[in-house]
Amino acid sequence: MNIVSFINIGGIVQAINGIFDGNCFKPIEPIPVKGKYEVIITFTKPIGTKNSRRKRILKYFGTWNNEDVETINEIVQERTNFSMNRDEI
């Protein structure tokens, strides 16, 4: 749960994350209050579509050479090996 609380003149204000689908706000966290409340909805960033994410990734296609790819694969493998023996992960 990622609830943010802060003090307002009228009392404690709590914030939760959610998604606006173009018509409705849908909380993605439990709502920490009951009853009717006045709310402020803040639009923070658009949610990319699958195609826009793909376009952002593809603009970097071909920018890494084989040495870069090998280095990244080694780092990923080292982190995987390190994490395999940890109980808290």
C-alpha atoms as a PDB file:
ATOM      1  CA  MET A   1       0.000   0.000   0.000  1.00  0.00           C
ATOM      2  CA  ASN A   2       1.388   3.397  -0.966  1.00  0.00           C
ATOM      3  CA  ILE A   3      -0.839   5.796   0.974  1.00  0.00           C
ATOM      4  CA  VAL A   4       0.501   9.312   1.402  1.00  0.00           C
ATOM      5  CA  SER A   5      -0.820  11.326   4.332  1.00  0.00           C
ATOM      6  CA  PHE A   6      -0.264  14.957   5.217  1.00  0.00           C
ATOM      7  CA  ILE A   7      -1.922  17.534   7.430  1.00  0.00           C
ATOM      8  CA  ASN A   8      -4.353  20.040   5.947  1.00  0.00           C
ATOM      9  CA  ILE A   9      -6.103  22.837   7.819  1.00  0.00           C
ATOM     10  CA  GLY A  10      -9.234  20.678   7.947  1.00  0.00           C
ATOM     11  CA  GLY A  11      -7.431  17.524   9.144  1.00  0.00           C
ATOM     12  CA  ILE A  12      -5.365  14.701   7.659  1.00  0.00           C
ATOM     13  CA  VAL A  13      -5.382  14.293   3.884  1.00  0.00           C
ATOM     14  CA  GLN A  14      -4.647  10.881   2.380  1.00  0.00           C
ATOM     15  CA  ALA A  15      -3.674  10.070  -1.202  1.00  0.00           C
ATOM     16  CA  ILE A  16      -3.839   6.789  -3.112  1.00  0.00           C
ATOM     17  CA  ASN A  17      -2.786   5.785  -6.604  1.00  0.00           C
ATOM     18  CA  GLY A  18      -5.291   4.961  -9.289  1.00  0.00           C
ATOM     19  CA  ILE A  19      -5.899   4.899 -13.016  1.00  0.00           C
ATOM     20  CA  PHE A  20      -8.246   7.081 -15.044  1.00  0.00           C
ATOM     21  CA  ASP A  21      -9.457   5.064 -18.036  1.00  0.00           C
ATOM     22  CA  GLY A  22     -10.910   8.043 -19.884  1.00  0.00           C
ATOM     23  CA  ASN A  23     -14.269   7.800 -18.108  1.00  0.00           C
ATOM     24  CA  CYS A  24     -13.773   6.622 -14.544  1.00  0.00           C
ATOM     25  CA  PHE A  25     -11.151   6.784 -11.824  1.00  0.00           C
ATOM     26  CA  LYS A  26     -10.190   3.287 -10.641  1.00  0.00           C
ATOM     27  CA  PRO A  27      -8.152   2.980  -7.423  1.00  0.00           C
ATOM     28  CA  ILE A  28      -5.257   0.511  -7.588  1.00  0.00           C
ATOM     29  CA  GLU A  29      -4.816   0.586  -3.823  1.00  0.00           C
ATOM     30  CA  PRO A  30      -7.268   0.055  -0.974  1.00  0.00           C
ATOM     31  CA  ILE A  31      -9.313   3.157  -0.152  1.00  0.00           C
ATOM     32  CA  PRO A  32      -8.328   4.100   3.429  1.00  0.00           C
ATOM     33  CA  VAL A  33     -11.604   5.895   4.305  1.00  0.00           C
ATOM     34  CA  LYS A  34     -15.290   5.109   4.460  1.00  0.00           C
ATOM     35  CA  GLY A  35     -18.212   7.327   3.562  1.00  0.00           C
ATOM     36  CA  LYS A  36     -18.418  10.326   1.267  1.00  0.00           C
ATOM     37  CA  TYR A  37     -15.369  12.527   0.823  1.00  0.00           C
ATOM     38  CA  GLU A  38     -14.421  15.500  -1.233  1.00  0.00           C
ATOM     39  CA  VAL A  39     -11.474  14.461  -3.407  1.00  0.00           C
ATOM     40  CA  ILE A  40      -8.837  16.039  -5.614  1.00  0.00           C
ATOM     41  CA  ILE A  41      -7.718  13.904  -8.545  1.00  0.00           C
ATOM     42  CA  THR A  42      -4.305  14.784  -9.955  1.00  0.00           C
ATOM     43  CA  PHE A  43      -3.315  13.543 -13.400  1.00  0.00           C
ATOM     44  CA  THR A  44       0.397  12.737 -13.151  1.00  0.00           C
ATOM     45  CA  LYS A  45       1.376  10.995 -16.402  1.00  0.00           C
ATOM     46  CA  PRO A  46      -0.282   9.272 -19.317  1.00  0.00           C
ATOM     47  CA  ILE A  47      -0.210   5.506 -19.438  1.00  0.00           C
ATOM     48  CA  GLY A  48       1.491   4.431 -22.643  1.00  0.00           C
ATOM     49  CA  THR A  49      -0.090   2.000 -24.988  1.00  0.00           C
ATOM     50  CA  LYS A  50       1.729  -1.111 -26.070  1.00  0.00           C
ATOM     51  CA  ASN A  51       2.668   0.564 -29.362  1.00  0.00           C
ATOM     52  CA  SER A  52       4.052   3.720 -27.728  1.00  0.00           C
ATOM     53  CA  ARG A  53       6.200   1.625 -25.371  1.00  0.00           C
ATOM     54  CA  ARG A  54       7.437  -0.375 -28.321  1.00  0.00           C
ATOM     55  CA  LYS A  55       8.322   2.836 -30.197  1.00  0.00           C
ATOM     56  CA  ARG A  56      10.294   4.161 -27.215  1.00  0.00           C
ATOM     57  CA  ILE A  57      12.251   0.912 -27.009  1.00  0.00           C
ATOM     58  CA  LEU A  58      12.819   0.616 -30.746  1.00  0.00           C
ATOM     59  CA  LYS A  59      14.392   4.060 -30.994  1.00  0.00           C
ATOM     60  CA  TYR A  60      17.370   2.552 -29.120  1.00  0.00           C
ATOM     61  CA  PHE A  61      17.508  -0.541 -31.314  1.00  0.00           C
ATOM     62  CA  GLY A  62      20.977  -0.989 -32.763  1.00  0.00           C
ATOM     63  CA  THR A  63      22.651   1.514 -30.430  1.00  0.00           C
ATOM     64  CA  TRP A  64      24.379  -1.177 -28.362  1.00  0.00           C
ATOM     65  CA  ASN A  65      27.214  -3.179 -29.840  1.00  0.00           C
ATOM     66  CA  ASN A  66      27.922  -6.837 -28.986  1.00  0.00           C
ATOM     67  CA  GLU A  67      30.342  -5.856 -26.200  1.00  0.00           C
ATOM     68  CA  ASP A  68      27.622  -3.736 -24.537  1.00  0.00           C
ATOM     69  CA  VAL A  69      25.121  -6.591 -24.777  1.00  0.00           C
ATOM     70  CA  GLU A  70      27.627  -9.077 -23.295  1.00  0.00           C
ATOM     71  CA  THR A  71      28.362  -6.690 -20.408  1.00  0.00           C
ATOM     72  CA  ILE A  72      24.655  -6.242 -19.661  1.00  0.00           C
ATOM     73  CA  ASN A  73      24.052  -9.999 -19.814  1.00  0.00           C
ATOM     74  CA  GLU A  74      26.954 -10.559 -17.382  1.00  0.00           C
ATOM     75  CA  ILE A  75      25.518  -8.008 -14.931  1.00  0.00           C
ATOM     76  CA  VAL A  76      22.053  -9.589 -15.121  1.00  0.00           C
ATOM     77  CA  GLN A  77      23.542 -13.060 -14.565  1.00  0.00           C
ATOM     78  CA  GLU A  78      25.617 -11.850 -11.574  1.00  0.00           C
ATOM     79  CA  ARG A  79      22.531 -10.278  -9.977  1.00  0.00           C
ATOM     80  CA  THR A  80      20.485 -13.403 -10.632  1.00  0.00           C
ATOM     81  CA  ASN A  81      23.146 -15.607  -9.058  1.00  0.00           C
ATOM     82  CA  PHE A  82      23.433 -13.259  -6.072  1.00  0.00           C
ATOM     83  CA  SER A  83      19.668 -13.215  -5.521  1.00  0.00           C
ATOM     84  CA  MET A  84      19.171 -16.980  -5.785  1.00  0.00           C
ATOM     85  CA  ASN A  85      20.622 -17.658  -2.309  1.00  0.00           C
ATOM     86  CA  ARG A  86      18.796 -14.867  -0.467  1.00  0.00           C
ATOM     87  CA  ASP A  87      15.712 -15.748   1.557  1.00  0.00           C
ATOM     88  CA  GLU A  88      14.269 -12.228   1.645  1.00  0.00           C
ATOM     89  CA  ILE A  89      13.931 -11.971  -2.138  1.00  0.00           C
END
